[in-house]
Amino acid sequence: MQHAPFGAGATAPANLDVIDSRARAATGFAGGTRIMTLDGMIPIDCLAPGDRIITRDSGMVRLCGVASQVYAALCPVILSPSTQGHIRPEAELVLGGAHSLLLRDWRAQALYGRSSAMVPAQRLIDGAFIRTGAEQRRLRLFTLRFDAPHVVYAEGVCAAAG
C-alpha cells in the first residue's frame, strides 16, 4: 500500500474539491488526523480505497474511498490531547462541528441517560479542553467512505465514519 498525502506534490481529485460555506453542518477530519489501520496509525489524507481500517463496531473493514471538502469561513472544533480519556486523543484532533463522536463515559449518561451515545463535537465544547478553533478561511475536511456506517479510531477517539 502506498500512502501519499494529497498535499505533497499531488492534489485531491477535482470532483472531491467543493467549496462550501455551510460551516455549521461540517463533518470530517482535518488533514493529518491519524486513523487506526492494520498498518498502524495513518494520516487520513494518505489513505486509499482498499486500506484496512480498524473499526470499533466491526473489526477490520476495507475502505471504499476518501472524500474531501473545502469549507470557507469554518471554525473547527479542536479536542486537546487526553480530553477523552488517558491518551485520547493522542494528538490534537481537529474536525467539523457536526462530526459525531462516541461517548462512553459520564457525559453520555448525563446528557442522554445512556451508557454510550453518538454526539456532535460542537455539543461537547467546554471552552478549555474542547474548544472552537480560530476561523479558517479555507479548511479541507476529509471523510471516510465505507459500505455501511462505522465507528473508527481517529487519534484514538471513537468517531463516526462512512
N, C-alpha and C. Protein backbone atom coordinates (compact mmCIF):
# COMPACT_ATOMS: atom_id res chain seq x y z
N MET A 1 0.82 -1.18 0.00
CA MET A 1 0.00 0.00 0.00
C MET A 1 0.87 1.24 0.00
N GLN A 2 0.58 2.12 -0.89
CA GLN A 2 1.32 3.38 -0.95
C GLN A 2 0.47 4.47 -0.32
N HIS A 3 1.07 5.21 0.59
CA HIS A 3 0.34 6.24 1.30
C HIS A 3 1.00 7.58 1.02
N ALA A 4 0.46 8.31 0.05
CA ALA A 4 1.00 9.62 -0.31
C ALA A 4 -0.07 10.67 -0.05
N PRO A 5 0.25 11.69 0.73
CA PRO A 5 -0.75 12.71 1.02
C PRO A 5 -1.10 13.54 -0.20
N PHE A 6 -2.31 14.10 -0.20
CA PHE A 6 -2.75 14.95 -1.29
C PHE A 6 -1.92 16.23 -1.37
N GLY A 7 -1.27 16.64 -0.27
CA GLY A 7 -0.59 17.92 -0.25
C GLY A 7 0.84 17.90 -0.77
N ALA A 8 1.51 16.78 -0.77
CA ALA A 8 2.92 16.72 -1.11
C ALA A 8 3.12 16.42 -2.59
N GLY A 9 2.97 17.44 -3.41
CA GLY A 9 3.20 17.28 -4.84
C GLY A 9 2.01 16.76 -5.62
N ALA A 10 1.00 16.28 -4.93
CA ALA A 10 -0.19 15.77 -5.60
C ALA A 10 -1.40 16.59 -5.13
N THR A 11 -2.49 16.46 -5.85
CA THR A 11 -3.70 17.17 -5.44
C THR A 11 -4.84 16.18 -5.34
N ALA A 12 -5.84 16.53 -4.55
CA ALA A 12 -7.02 15.69 -4.44
C ALA A 12 -7.77 15.74 -5.77
N PRO A 13 -8.46 14.68 -6.13
CA PRO A 13 -9.25 14.71 -7.35
C PRO A 13 -10.21 15.89 -7.36
N ALA A 14 -10.34 16.55 -8.50
CA ALA A 14 -11.13 17.78 -8.62
C ALA A 14 -12.58 17.57 -8.22
N ASN A 15 -13.16 16.39 -8.48
CA ASN A 15 -14.56 16.19 -8.16
C ASN A 15 -14.83 16.12 -6.66
N LEU A 16 -13.79 16.01 -5.83
CA LEU A 16 -13.97 15.98 -4.39
C LEU A 16 -13.73 17.34 -3.76
N ASP A 17 -13.27 18.29 -4.53
CA ASP A 17 -12.88 19.60 -4.01
C ASP A 17 -14.03 20.59 -4.20
N VAL A 18 -14.87 20.70 -3.19
CA VAL A 18 -16.06 21.55 -3.27
C VAL A 18 -15.95 22.63 -2.19
N ILE A 19 -16.18 23.87 -2.56
CA ILE A 19 -16.16 24.95 -1.58
C ILE A 19 -17.56 25.13 -1.03
N ASP A 20 -17.67 25.19 0.29
CA ASP A 20 -18.97 25.25 0.94
C ASP A 20 -18.85 26.14 2.17
N SER A 21 -19.76 27.09 2.31
CA SER A 21 -19.72 27.98 3.47
C SER A 21 -20.70 27.58 4.56
N ARG A 22 -21.38 26.45 4.43
CA ARG A 22 -22.32 25.99 5.44
C ARG A 22 -21.57 25.29 6.57
N ALA A 23 -20.76 26.06 7.28
CA ALA A 23 -19.82 25.52 8.26
C ALA A 23 -20.49 24.79 9.42
N ARG A 24 -21.68 25.19 9.79
CA ARG A 24 -22.33 24.56 10.94
C ARG A 24 -22.60 23.08 10.71
N ALA A 25 -22.75 22.67 9.47
CA ALA A 25 -23.03 21.27 9.15
C ALA A 25 -21.77 20.51 8.76
N ALA A 26 -20.61 21.10 9.01
CA ALA A 26 -19.35 20.49 8.58
C ALA A 26 -19.05 19.21 9.34
N THR A 27 -18.73 18.17 8.59
CA THR A 27 -18.25 16.92 9.18
C THR A 27 -16.93 16.57 8.52
N GLY A 28 -16.15 15.80 9.20
CA GLY A 28 -14.88 15.35 8.65
C GLY A 28 -13.72 15.73 9.55
N PHE A 29 -12.56 15.16 9.21
CA PHE A 29 -11.34 15.34 9.97
C PHE A 29 -10.37 16.21 9.18
N ALA A 30 -9.63 17.06 9.88
CA ALA A 30 -8.60 17.86 9.22
C ALA A 30 -7.49 16.95 8.71
N GLY A 31 -6.80 17.39 7.67
CA GLY A 31 -5.67 16.64 7.13
C GLY A 31 -4.66 16.36 8.22
N GLY A 32 -4.04 15.21 8.15
CA GLY A 32 -3.04 14.82 9.13
C GLY A 32 -3.61 14.01 10.28
N THR A 33 -4.94 14.01 10.45
CA THR A 33 -5.56 13.21 11.51
C THR A 33 -5.22 11.75 11.25
N ARG A 34 -4.68 11.07 12.26
CA ARG A 34 -4.27 9.68 12.10
C ARG A 34 -5.43 8.74 12.42
N ILE A 35 -5.65 7.81 11.49
CA ILE A 35 -6.72 6.81 11.60
C ILE A 35 -6.06 5.45 11.85
N MET A 36 -6.65 4.66 12.75
CA MET A 36 -6.09 3.34 13.06
C MET A 36 -6.40 2.36 11.93
N THR A 37 -5.33 1.78 11.39
CA THR A 37 -5.44 0.77 10.33
C THR A 37 -4.68 -0.47 10.76
N LEU A 38 -4.78 -1.53 9.98
CA LEU A 38 -3.98 -2.72 10.27
C LEU A 38 -2.49 -2.46 10.07
N ASP A 39 -2.15 -1.38 9.38
CA ASP A 39 -0.76 -1.00 9.18
C ASP A 39 -0.30 0.04 10.20
N GLY A 40 -1.13 0.32 11.21
CA GLY A 40 -0.81 1.31 12.22
C GLY A 40 -1.60 2.60 11.99
N MET A 41 -1.19 3.65 12.68
CA MET A 41 -1.86 4.94 12.57
C MET A 41 -1.39 5.63 11.29
N ILE A 42 -2.33 5.91 10.37
CA ILE A 42 -2.01 6.51 9.07
C ILE A 42 -2.79 7.82 8.94
N PRO A 43 -2.15 8.91 8.50
CA PRO A 43 -2.89 10.17 8.30
C PRO A 43 -4.02 9.96 7.30
N ILE A 44 -5.15 10.56 7.58
CA ILE A 44 -6.35 10.37 6.76
C ILE A 44 -6.11 10.77 5.31
N ASP A 45 -5.29 11.79 5.09
CA ASP A 45 -5.06 12.24 3.72
C ASP A 45 -4.08 11.34 2.98
N CYS A 46 -3.63 10.26 3.62
CA CYS A 46 -2.75 9.29 2.97
C CYS A 46 -3.46 7.96 2.72
N LEU A 47 -4.70 7.84 3.16
CA LEU A 47 -5.44 6.60 2.98
C LEU A 47 -5.97 6.47 1.56
N ALA A 48 -6.17 5.23 1.13
CA ALA A 48 -6.66 4.96 -0.22
C ALA A 48 -7.68 3.82 -0.17
N PRO A 49 -8.55 3.75 -1.18
CA PRO A 49 -9.50 2.64 -1.24
C PRO A 49 -8.78 1.30 -1.12
N GLY A 50 -9.38 0.40 -0.34
CA GLY A 50 -8.78 -0.91 -0.12
C GLY A 50 -7.98 -1.01 1.17
N ASP A 51 -7.60 0.13 1.76
CA ASP A 51 -6.88 0.10 3.03
C ASP A 51 -7.77 -0.57 4.07
N ARG A 52 -7.13 -1.25 5.01
CA ARG A 52 -7.83 -2.00 6.05
C ARG A 52 -7.91 -1.14 7.32
N ILE A 53 -9.11 -0.64 7.60
CA ILE A 53 -9.35 0.26 8.72
C ILE A 53 -9.90 -0.54 9.89
N ILE A 54 -9.41 -0.26 11.09
CA ILE A 54 -9.91 -0.91 12.29
C ILE A 54 -11.08 -0.09 12.81
N THR A 55 -12.23 -0.76 12.98
CA THR A 55 -13.43 -0.09 13.48
C THR A 55 -13.81 -0.67 14.84
N ARG A 56 -14.49 0.13 15.61
CA ARG A 56 -14.95 -0.32 16.94
C ARG A 56 -16.08 -1.32 16.81
N ASP A 57 -16.94 -1.13 15.84
CA ASP A 57 -18.16 -1.94 15.72
C ASP A 57 -18.00 -3.20 14.90
N SER A 58 -17.06 -3.26 13.96
CA SER A 58 -16.98 -4.41 13.05
C SER A 58 -15.57 -4.96 12.86
N GLY A 59 -14.63 -4.54 13.68
CA GLY A 59 -13.26 -5.02 13.49
C GLY A 59 -12.65 -4.38 12.25
N MET A 60 -11.98 -5.18 11.44
CA MET A 60 -11.33 -4.67 10.23
C MET A 60 -12.35 -4.52 9.10
N VAL A 61 -12.32 -3.37 8.44
CA VAL A 61 -13.21 -3.09 7.32
C VAL A 61 -12.39 -2.45 6.21
N ARG A 62 -12.64 -2.85 4.98
CA ARG A 62 -11.96 -2.26 3.83
C ARG A 62 -12.56 -0.89 3.51
N LEU A 63 -11.68 0.07 3.31
CA LEU A 63 -12.08 1.43 2.97
C LEU A 63 -12.52 1.49 1.51
N CYS A 64 -13.68 2.09 1.26
CA CYS A 64 -14.16 2.25 -0.12
C CYS A 64 -13.59 3.51 -0.76
N GLY A 65 -13.36 4.55 0.04
CA GLY A 65 -12.82 5.78 -0.52
C GLY A 65 -12.65 6.86 0.54
N VAL A 66 -11.95 7.90 0.14
CA VAL A 66 -11.76 9.07 0.98
C VAL A 66 -12.22 10.28 0.18
N ALA A 67 -13.10 11.07 0.76
CA ALA A 67 -13.58 12.28 0.11
C ALA A 67 -13.09 13.48 0.89
N SER A 68 -12.99 14.59 0.22
CA SER A 68 -12.63 15.82 0.93
C SER A 68 -13.51 16.95 0.46
N GLN A 69 -13.70 17.90 1.34
CA GLN A 69 -14.50 19.07 1.03
C GLN A 69 -13.79 20.27 1.65
N VAL A 70 -13.73 21.35 0.89
CA VAL A 70 -13.12 22.57 1.39
C VAL A 70 -14.23 23.49 1.89
N TYR A 71 -14.08 23.93 3.13
CA TYR A 71 -15.06 24.83 3.74
C TYR A 71 -14.45 26.22 3.83
N ALA A 72 -15.26 27.22 3.55
CA ALA A 72 -14.84 28.61 3.71
C ALA A 72 -15.43 29.13 5.01
N ALA A 73 -14.67 29.94 5.71
CA ALA A 73 -15.13 30.56 6.96
C ALA A 73 -15.59 29.53 7.98
N LEU A 74 -14.80 28.51 8.21
CA LEU A 74 -15.14 27.46 9.16
C LEU A 74 -14.35 27.62 10.45
N CYS A 75 -15.04 27.53 11.57
CA CYS A 75 -14.40 27.47 12.88
C CYS A 75 -14.48 26.01 13.33
N PRO A 76 -13.41 25.24 13.21
CA PRO A 76 -13.46 23.83 13.56
C PRO A 76 -13.53 23.63 15.07
N VAL A 77 -13.85 22.41 15.45
CA VAL A 77 -13.80 22.01 16.85
C VAL A 77 -12.45 21.34 17.08
N ILE A 78 -11.80 21.69 18.18
CA ILE A 78 -10.47 21.14 18.50
C ILE A 78 -10.54 20.43 19.84
N LEU A 79 -10.15 19.16 19.85
CA LEU A 79 -10.05 18.38 21.08
C LEU A 79 -8.58 18.34 21.47
N SER A 80 -8.28 18.83 22.65
CA SER A 80 -6.91 18.79 23.15
C SER A 80 -6.54 17.37 23.53
N PRO A 81 -5.23 17.04 23.52
CA PRO A 81 -4.81 15.68 23.91
C PRO A 81 -5.34 15.30 25.30
N SER A 82 -5.74 14.05 25.43
CA SER A 82 -6.20 13.43 26.68
C SER A 82 -7.53 13.94 27.20
N THR A 83 -8.33 14.63 26.38
CA THR A 83 -9.63 15.12 26.86
C THR A 83 -10.70 14.05 26.86
N GLN A 84 -10.49 12.94 26.13
CA GLN A 84 -11.48 11.88 26.06
C GLN A 84 -11.04 10.63 26.80
N GLY A 85 -10.02 10.74 27.60
CA GLY A 85 -9.50 9.60 28.34
C GLY A 85 -8.02 9.77 28.55
N HIS A 86 -7.39 8.76 29.09
CA HIS A 86 -5.97 8.85 29.46
C HIS A 86 -5.09 9.34 28.32
N ILE A 87 -5.20 8.77 27.13
CA ILE A 87 -4.38 9.22 25.99
C ILE A 87 -5.23 9.44 24.75
N ARG A 88 -6.49 9.83 24.92
CA ARG A 88 -7.35 10.06 23.77
C ARG A 88 -7.85 11.49 23.77
N PRO A 89 -7.69 12.25 22.74
CA PRO A 89 -6.88 11.88 21.57
C PRO A 89 -5.39 11.90 21.90
N GLU A 90 -4.64 11.18 21.08
CA GLU A 90 -3.20 11.10 21.29
C GLU A 90 -2.53 12.41 20.90
N ALA A 91 -3.10 13.11 19.94
CA ALA A 91 -2.63 14.42 19.49
C ALA A 91 -3.86 15.29 19.31
N GLU A 92 -3.68 16.57 19.15
CA GLU A 92 -4.81 17.47 18.94
C GLU A 92 -5.65 16.96 17.77
N LEU A 93 -6.96 16.91 17.97
CA LEU A 93 -7.88 16.42 16.95
C LEU A 93 -8.74 17.59 16.47
N VAL A 94 -8.68 17.86 15.16
CA VAL A 94 -9.41 18.97 14.56
C VAL A 94 -10.46 18.39 13.62
N LEU A 95 -11.73 18.79 13.82
CA LEU A 95 -12.80 18.24 13.00
C LEU A 95 -13.95 19.23 12.88
N GLY A 96 -14.85 18.93 11.97
CA GLY A 96 -16.04 19.76 11.78
C GLY A 96 -16.97 19.62 12.97
N GLY A 97 -17.68 20.69 13.29
CA GLY A 97 -18.54 20.70 14.47
C GLY A 97 -19.66 19.69 14.47
N ALA A 98 -20.15 19.31 13.30
CA ALA A 98 -21.26 18.36 13.22
C ALA A 98 -20.78 16.91 13.21
N HIS A 99 -19.47 16.70 13.26
CA HIS A 99 -18.94 15.33 13.23
C HIS A 99 -19.23 14.65 14.56
N SER A 100 -19.80 13.47 14.53
CA SER A 100 -20.20 12.77 15.75
C SER A 100 -19.07 11.94 16.35
N LEU A 101 -18.98 12.01 17.68
CA LEU A 101 -18.02 11.24 18.46
C LEU A 101 -18.80 10.29 19.36
N LEU A 102 -18.22 9.13 19.63
CA LEU A 102 -18.85 8.16 20.51
C LEU A 102 -18.42 8.45 21.94
N LEU A 103 -19.39 8.77 22.78
CA LEU A 103 -19.12 8.98 24.21
C LEU A 103 -19.49 7.71 24.95
N ARG A 104 -18.60 7.27 25.84
CA ARG A 104 -18.86 6.09 26.66
C ARG A 104 -18.49 6.37 28.11
N ASP A 105 -18.79 7.58 28.57
CA ASP A 105 -18.45 7.95 29.93
C ASP A 105 -19.63 8.67 30.59
N TRP A 106 -19.38 9.33 31.68
CA TRP A 106 -20.43 10.01 32.45
C TRP A 106 -21.22 11.02 31.62
N ARG A 107 -20.60 11.59 30.58
CA ARG A 107 -21.29 12.59 29.77
C ARG A 107 -22.44 11.98 28.99
N ALA A 108 -22.28 10.75 28.51
CA ALA A 108 -23.38 10.09 27.80
C ALA A 108 -24.55 9.87 28.75
N GLN A 109 -24.26 9.48 29.96
CA GLN A 109 -25.32 9.26 30.95
C GLN A 109 -25.98 10.58 31.32
N ALA A 110 -25.16 11.62 31.56
CA ALA A 110 -25.70 12.92 31.97
C ALA A 110 -26.52 13.59 30.87
N LEU A 111 -26.04 13.52 29.62
CA LEU A 111 -26.71 14.21 28.52
C LEU A 111 -27.87 13.42 27.92
N TYR A 112 -27.73 12.07 27.87
CA TYR A 112 -28.70 11.26 27.13
C TYR A 112 -29.32 10.13 27.94
N GLY A 113 -28.87 9.94 29.19
CA GLY A 113 -29.43 8.88 30.01
C GLY A 113 -29.05 7.49 29.54
N ARG A 114 -27.94 7.37 28.79
CA ARG A 114 -27.48 6.07 28.28
C ARG A 114 -26.00 5.90 28.59
N SER A 115 -25.53 4.67 28.52
CA SER A 115 -24.11 4.41 28.81
C SER A 115 -23.21 4.84 27.66
N SER A 116 -23.77 4.97 26.45
CA SER A 116 -22.98 5.45 25.31
C SER A 116 -23.91 6.22 24.37
N ALA A 117 -23.32 7.16 23.63
CA ALA A 117 -24.11 7.97 22.70
C ALA A 117 -23.20 8.59 21.65
N MET A 118 -23.71 8.74 20.42
CA MET A 118 -23.02 9.47 19.37
C MET A 118 -23.44 10.93 19.50
N VAL A 119 -22.44 11.81 19.66
CA VAL A 119 -22.71 13.22 19.95
C VAL A 119 -21.92 14.11 19.01
N PRO A 120 -22.56 15.11 18.38
CA PRO A 120 -21.80 16.05 17.54
C PRO A 120 -20.74 16.76 18.37
N ALA A 121 -19.56 16.92 17.82
CA ALA A 121 -18.45 17.54 18.54
C ALA A 121 -18.81 18.91 19.09
N GLN A 122 -19.60 19.69 18.35
CA GLN A 122 -19.94 21.04 18.80
C GLN A 122 -20.75 21.04 20.10
N ARG A 123 -21.43 19.93 20.41
CA ARG A 123 -22.19 19.83 21.67
C ARG A 123 -21.29 19.60 22.87
N LEU A 124 -20.03 19.25 22.63
CA LEU A 124 -19.09 18.93 23.71
C LEU A 124 -18.17 20.10 24.07
N ILE A 125 -18.29 21.20 23.37
CA ILE A 125 -17.39 22.34 23.59
C ILE A 125 -17.52 22.83 25.02
N ASP A 126 -16.36 22.90 25.71
CA ASP A 126 -16.34 23.42 27.08
C ASP A 126 -15.49 24.69 27.19
N GLY A 127 -14.88 25.10 26.09
CA GLY A 127 -14.09 26.32 26.08
C GLY A 127 -12.66 26.16 26.53
N ALA A 128 -12.33 25.04 27.13
CA ALA A 128 -10.96 24.83 27.61
C ALA A 128 -10.30 23.66 26.90
N PHE A 129 -10.84 22.47 27.09
CA PHE A 129 -10.23 21.27 26.53
C PHE A 129 -10.83 20.90 25.18
N ILE A 130 -12.08 21.21 25.00
CA ILE A 130 -12.75 21.05 23.70
C ILE A 130 -13.24 22.44 23.35
N ARG A 131 -12.68 22.99 22.29
CA ARG A 131 -12.93 24.40 22.00
C ARG A 131 -13.16 24.63 20.52
N THR A 132 -13.68 25.80 20.23
CA THR A 132 -13.82 26.23 18.85
C THR A 132 -12.49 26.85 18.43
N GLY A 133 -11.97 26.43 17.30
CA GLY A 133 -10.73 26.98 16.79
C GLY A 133 -10.97 28.31 16.09
N ALA A 134 -9.89 28.97 15.79
CA ALA A 134 -9.98 30.23 15.04
C ALA A 134 -10.58 29.96 13.67
N GLU A 135 -11.31 30.93 13.16
CA GLU A 135 -11.93 30.79 11.84
C GLU A 135 -10.86 30.55 10.78
N GLN A 136 -11.10 29.53 9.99
CA GLN A 136 -10.20 29.18 8.89
C GLN A 136 -10.80 29.71 7.59
N ARG A 137 -10.02 30.40 6.83
CA ARG A 137 -10.52 30.92 5.56
C ARG A 137 -10.84 29.79 4.59
N ARG A 138 -10.00 28.78 4.59
CA ARG A 138 -10.21 27.57 3.78
C ARG A 138 -9.71 26.39 4.60
N LEU A 139 -10.60 25.47 4.87
CA LEU A 139 -10.19 24.28 5.61
C LEU A 139 -10.73 23.06 4.90
N ARG A 140 -9.84 22.15 4.55
CA ARG A 140 -10.24 20.89 3.91
C ARG A 140 -10.47 19.85 4.99
N LEU A 141 -11.67 19.27 4.97
CA LEU A 141 -12.00 18.19 5.88
C LEU A 141 -12.17 16.90 5.07
N PHE A 142 -11.66 15.82 5.61
CA PHE A 142 -11.69 14.52 4.94
C PHE A 142 -12.71 13.61 5.62
N THR A 143 -13.42 12.83 4.81
CA THR A 143 -14.35 11.83 5.33
C THR A 143 -14.02 10.48 4.72
N LEU A 144 -14.25 9.44 5.50
CA LEU A 144 -14.00 8.08 5.05
C LEU A 144 -15.30 7.49 4.53
N ARG A 145 -15.21 6.73 3.45
CA ARG A 145 -16.38 6.09 2.84
C ARG A 145 -16.26 4.57 2.98
N PHE A 146 -17.33 3.98 3.51
CA PHE A 146 -17.43 2.53 3.66
C PHE A 146 -18.75 2.08 3.06
N ASP A 147 -18.96 0.75 3.00
CA ASP A 147 -20.23 0.21 2.52
C ASP A 147 -21.37 0.49 3.49
N ALA A 148 -21.02 0.70 4.76
CA ALA A 148 -22.01 0.97 5.81
C ALA A 148 -21.36 1.90 6.84
N PRO A 149 -22.16 2.57 7.66
CA PRO A 149 -21.57 3.42 8.70
C PRO A 149 -20.76 2.61 9.71
N HIS A 150 -19.68 3.20 10.20
CA HIS A 150 -18.81 2.55 11.19
C HIS A 150 -18.32 3.58 12.18
N VAL A 151 -17.70 3.09 13.24
CA VAL A 151 -17.02 3.93 14.22
C VAL A 151 -15.54 3.61 14.10
N VAL A 152 -14.74 4.62 13.75
CA VAL A 152 -13.30 4.44 13.58
C VAL A 152 -12.55 5.09 14.73
N TYR A 153 -11.27 4.80 14.79
CA TYR A 153 -10.40 5.41 15.80
C TYR A 153 -9.58 6.50 15.12
N ALA A 154 -9.86 7.76 15.47
CA ALA A 154 -9.14 8.92 14.93
C ALA A 154 -8.36 9.52 16.08
N GLU A 155 -7.04 9.41 16.02
CA GLU A 155 -6.17 9.86 17.12
C GLU A 155 -6.58 9.18 18.43
N GLY A 156 -7.13 7.98 18.32
CA GLY A 156 -7.54 7.21 19.50
C GLY A 156 -8.96 7.48 19.96
N VAL A 157 -9.63 8.46 19.36
CA VAL A 157 -11.00 8.80 19.72
C VAL A 157 -11.97 8.06 18.80
N CYS A 158 -13.04 7.53 19.36
CA CYS A 158 -14.05 6.84 18.56
C CYS A 158 -14.93 7.88 17.87
N ALA A 159 -14.96 7.82 16.53
CA ALA A 159 -15.69 8.81 15.75
C ALA A 159 -16.46 8.14 14.62
N ALA A 160 -17.56 8.76 14.22
CA ALA A 160 -18.40 8.25 13.14
C ALA A 160 -17.65 8.33 11.82
N ALA A 161 -17.95 7.36 10.95
CA ALA A 161 -17.38 7.35 9.58
C ALA A 161 -18.31 6.54 8.70
N GLY A 162 -18.30 6.90 7.42
CA GLY A 162 -19.00 6.11 6.42
C GLY A 162 -20.38 6.52 6.17
